[in-house]
Amino acid sequence: MLKRIILAGLLGGMAIFAWEFVAHMATALAEAGVRALPKEAAIQAAIRENIAEPGFYLFPAPDERPGMTGDQKQKAMNDSMERARTEASGMMACFRKGAPTSSGQCSRRSACSTCWPH
């Protein structure tokens, strides 16, 4: 029974990976909503100057600090949401010194599709 479960998980992961490949390469889904940044050089300079670690960033983000109580965290979240209604907001995956290569991304994506549920 365990072998069948493991086999089903591996086959399911490979099926998801295959579908994502087809959806990305054969349809316009890969480019839906993707746009170039205006004034890209200025934005890249700001990223290099202000972001030290690669990661996934949200802005405006809650101003959370260690030791905050639940009420303080909730207030920080509410303040952040209010700022998002009136200021520029978004999310970005940032690699300050360059992104991983496409083959590396493909290998990681395949492993994630196979090993972790979506």
C-alpha atoms as a PDB file:
ATOM      1  CA  MET A   1       0.000   0.000   0.000  1.00  0.00           C
ATOM      2  CA  LEU A   2       2.817   2.434   0.879  1.00  0.00           C
ATOM      3  CA  LYS A   3       4.485   1.772  -2.480  1.00  0.00           C
ATOM      4  CA  ARG A   4       1.247   2.612  -4.278  1.00  0.00           C
ATOM      5  CA  ILE A   5       0.893   5.874  -2.340  1.00  0.00           C
ATOM      6  CA  ILE A   6       4.486   6.880  -3.089  1.00  0.00           C
ATOM      7  CA  LEU A   7       4.081   5.936  -6.763  1.00  0.00           C
ATOM      8  CA  ALA A   8       0.829   7.913  -6.974  1.00  0.00           C
ATOM      9  CA  GLY A   9       2.528  10.952  -5.412  1.00  0.00           C
ATOM     10  CA  LEU A  10       5.461  10.777  -7.820  1.00  0.00           C
ATOM     11  CA  LEU A  11       3.216  10.299 -10.860  1.00  0.00           C
ATOM     12  CA  GLY A  12       0.960  13.138  -9.715  1.00  0.00           C
ATOM     13  CA  GLY A  13       3.954  15.440  -9.269  1.00  0.00           C
ATOM     14  CA  MET A  14       5.237  14.576 -12.734  1.00  0.00           C
ATOM     15  CA  ALA A  15       1.764  15.194 -14.215  1.00  0.00           C
ATOM     16  CA  ILE A  16       1.574  18.631 -12.564  1.00  0.00           C
ATOM     17  CA  PHE A  17       5.055  19.492 -13.809  1.00  0.00           C
ATOM     18  CA  ALA A  18       4.147  18.361 -17.350  1.00  0.00           C
ATOM     19  CA  TRP A  19       0.964  20.463 -17.328  1.00  0.00           C
ATOM     20  CA  GLU A  20       2.843  23.519 -16.047  1.00  0.00           C
ATOM     21  CA  PHE A  21       5.378  23.068 -18.856  1.00  0.00           C
ATOM     22  CA  VAL A  22       2.638  22.857 -21.502  1.00  0.00           C
ATOM     23  CA  ALA A  23       0.703  25.775 -19.995  1.00  0.00           C
ATOM     24  CA  HIS A  24       3.845  27.893 -19.909  1.00  0.00           C
ATOM     25  CA  MET A  25       5.236  27.026 -23.338  1.00  0.00           C
ATOM     26  CA  ALA A  26       2.123  26.482 -25.467  1.00  0.00           C
ATOM     27  CA  THR A  27      -0.284  29.099 -24.132  1.00  0.00           C
ATOM     28  CA  ALA A  28      -0.205  32.789 -23.278  1.00  0.00           C
ATOM     29  CA  LEU A  29      -0.565  32.053 -19.544  1.00  0.00           C
ATOM     30  CA  ALA A  30       3.157  32.614 -18.978  1.00  0.00           C
ATOM     31  CA  GLU A  31       2.882  36.214 -20.160  1.00  0.00           C
ATOM     32  CA  ALA A  32      -0.552  37.136 -18.836  1.00  0.00           C
ATOM     33  CA  GLY A  33      -0.273  40.420 -16.983  1.00  0.00           C
ATOM     34  CA  VAL A  34       3.524  40.619 -17.199  1.00  0.00           C
ATOM     35  CA  ARG A  35       4.857  44.056 -18.095  1.00  0.00           C
ATOM     36  CA  ALA A  36       8.233  45.768 -18.287  1.00  0.00           C
ATOM     37  CA  LEU A  37       9.107  48.248 -15.559  1.00  0.00           C
ATOM     38  CA  PRO A  38       9.250  51.872 -16.612  1.00  0.00           C
ATOM     39  CA  LYS A  39      12.561  53.473 -15.611  1.00  0.00           C
ATOM     40  CA  GLU A  40      13.987  50.028 -14.880  1.00  0.00           C
ATOM     41  CA  ALA A  41      17.529  51.282 -14.250  1.00  0.00           C
ATOM     42  CA  ALA A  42      16.342  53.604 -11.456  1.00  0.00           C
ATOM     43  CA  ILE A  43      14.334  50.803  -9.846  1.00  0.00           C
ATOM     44  CA  GLN A  44      17.282  48.396 -10.049  1.00  0.00           C
ATOM     45  CA  ALA A  45      19.539  51.013  -8.450  1.00  0.00           C
ATOM     46  CA  ALA A  46      17.040  51.461  -5.597  1.00  0.00           C
ATOM     47  CA  ILE A  47      16.890  47.678  -5.087  1.00  0.00           C
ATOM     48  CA  ARG A  48      20.698  47.373  -4.999  1.00  0.00           C
ATOM     49  CA  GLU A  49      20.899  50.242  -2.513  1.00  0.00           C
ATOM     50  CA  ASN A  50      18.068  49.187  -0.188  1.00  0.00           C
ATOM     51  CA  ILE A  51      17.685  45.399  -0.273  1.00  0.00           C
ATOM     52  CA  ALA A  52      20.492  43.281   1.162  1.00  0.00           C
ATOM     53  CA  GLU A  53      18.982  39.783   1.054  1.00  0.00           C
ATOM     54  CA  PRO A  54      17.211  37.957  -1.774  1.00  0.00           C
ATOM     55  CA  GLY A  55      13.604  37.181  -0.950  1.00  0.00           C
ATOM     56  CA  PHE A  56       9.911  37.792  -1.501  1.00  0.00           C
ATOM     57  CA  TYR A  57       8.948  41.304  -0.420  1.00  0.00           C
ATOM     58  CA  LEU A  58       5.578  42.979   0.185  1.00  0.00           C
ATOM     59  CA  PHE A  59       5.029  46.694   0.396  1.00  0.00           C
ATOM     60  CA  PRO A  60       3.805  48.462   2.326  1.00  0.00           C
ATOM     61  CA  ALA A  61       4.616  45.823   4.932  1.00  0.00           C
ATOM     62  CA  PRO A  62       3.533  45.778   8.559  1.00  0.00           C
ATOM     63  CA  ASP A  63       6.088  47.344  10.877  1.00  0.00           C
ATOM     64  CA  GLU A  64       6.543  44.265  13.062  1.00  0.00           C
ATOM     65  CA  ARG A  65       9.317  43.971  15.640  1.00  0.00           C
ATOM     66  CA  PRO A  66      10.288  41.154  18.008  1.00  0.00           C
ATOM     67  CA  GLY A  67       8.361  41.181  21.262  1.00  0.00           C
ATOM     68  CA  MET A  68       5.206  42.810  19.894  1.00  0.00           C
ATOM     69  CA  THR A  69       1.926  41.727  21.457  1.00  0.00           C
ATOM     70  CA  GLY A  70      -0.900  40.319  19.374  1.00  0.00           C
ATOM     71  CA  ASP A  71      -2.744  43.648  19.562  1.00  0.00           C
ATOM     72  CA  GLN A  72       0.357  45.546  18.430  1.00  0.00           C
ATOM     73  CA  LYS A  73       0.839  43.152  15.500  1.00  0.00           C
ATOM     74  CA  GLN A  74      -2.812  43.564  14.522  1.00  0.00           C
ATOM     75  CA  LYS A  75      -2.476  47.371  14.646  1.00  0.00           C
ATOM     76  CA  ALA A  76       0.671  47.172  12.491  1.00  0.00           C
ATOM     77  CA  MET A  77      -1.222  45.004   9.983  1.00  0.00           C
ATOM     78  CA  ASN A  78      -4.192  47.383   9.928  1.00  0.00           C
ATOM     79  CA  ASP A  79      -1.864  50.375   9.441  1.00  0.00           C
ATOM     80  CA  SER A  80      -0.166  48.549   6.571  1.00  0.00           C
ATOM     81  CA  MET A  81      -3.502  47.741   4.922  1.00  0.00           C
ATOM     82  CA  GLU A  82      -4.597  51.357   5.225  1.00  0.00           C
ATOM     83  CA  ARG A  83      -1.351  52.530   3.605  1.00  0.00           C
ATOM     84  CA  ALA A  84      -1.919  50.010   0.793  1.00  0.00           C
ATOM     85  CA  ARG A  85      -5.205  51.738  -0.032  1.00  0.00           C
ATOM     86  CA  THR A  86      -3.539  55.125  -0.528  1.00  0.00           C
ATOM     87  CA  GLU A  87       0.099  54.418  -1.480  1.00  0.00           C
ATOM     88  CA  ALA A  88       1.910  52.360  -4.075  1.00  0.00           C
ATOM     89  CA  SER A  89       1.745  48.710  -3.108  1.00  0.00           C
ATOM     90  CA  GLY A  90       2.899  45.416  -4.464  1.00  0.00           C
ATOM     91  CA  MET A  91       5.018  42.348  -4.095  1.00  0.00           C
ATOM     92  CA  MET A  92       8.275  41.317  -5.658  1.00  0.00           C
ATOM     93  CA  ALA A  93      10.712  38.468  -5.694  1.00  0.00           C
ATOM     94  CA  CYS A  94      14.099  40.105  -5.478  1.00  0.00           C
ATOM     95  CA  PHE A  95      17.517  38.701  -6.349  1.00  0.00           C
ATOM     96  CA  ARG A  96      19.899  41.577  -5.735  1.00  0.00           C
ATOM     97  CA  LYS A  97      22.844  39.986  -7.541  1.00  0.00           C
ATOM     98  CA  GLY A  98      20.969  38.155 -10.296  1.00  0.00           C
ATOM     99  CA  ALA A  99      18.326  35.450 -10.479  1.00  0.00           C
ATOM    100  CA  PRO A 100      18.920  31.697 -10.532  1.00  0.00           C
ATOM    101  CA  THR A 101      19.362  30.218 -13.995  1.00  0.00           C
ATOM    102  CA  SER A 102      16.395  28.847 -15.902  1.00  0.00           C
ATOM    103  CA  SER A 103      17.667  25.263 -15.693  1.00  0.00           C
ATOM    104  CA  GLY A 104      18.028  25.614 -11.929  1.00  0.00           C
ATOM    105  CA  GLN A 105      14.513  26.994 -11.650  1.00  0.00           C
ATOM    106  CA  CYS A 106      13.184  24.157 -13.781  1.00  0.00           C
ATOM    107  CA  SER A 107      14.902  21.520 -11.639  1.00  0.00           C
ATOM    108  CA  ARG A 108      13.646  23.066  -8.396  1.00  0.00           C
ATOM    109  CA  ARG A 109      10.126  23.424  -9.779  1.00  0.00           C
ATOM    110  CA  SER A 110      10.096  19.792 -10.845  1.00  0.00           C
ATOM    111  CA  ALA A 111      11.271  18.678  -7.409  1.00  0.00           C
ATOM    112  CA  CYS A 112       8.693  20.882  -5.684  1.00  0.00           C
ATOM    113  CA  SER A 113       5.876  19.620  -7.909  1.00  0.00           C
ATOM    114  CA  THR A 114       6.837  16.066  -7.093  1.00  0.00           C
ATOM    115  CA  CYS A 115       7.594  16.376  -3.380  1.00  0.00           C
ATOM    116  CA  TRP A 116       5.284  19.065  -2.001  1.00  0.00           C
ATOM    117  CA  PRO A 117       1.521  19.384  -2.505  1.00  0.00           C
ATOM    118  CA  HIS A 118       0.142  22.581  -4.035  1.00  0.00           C
END
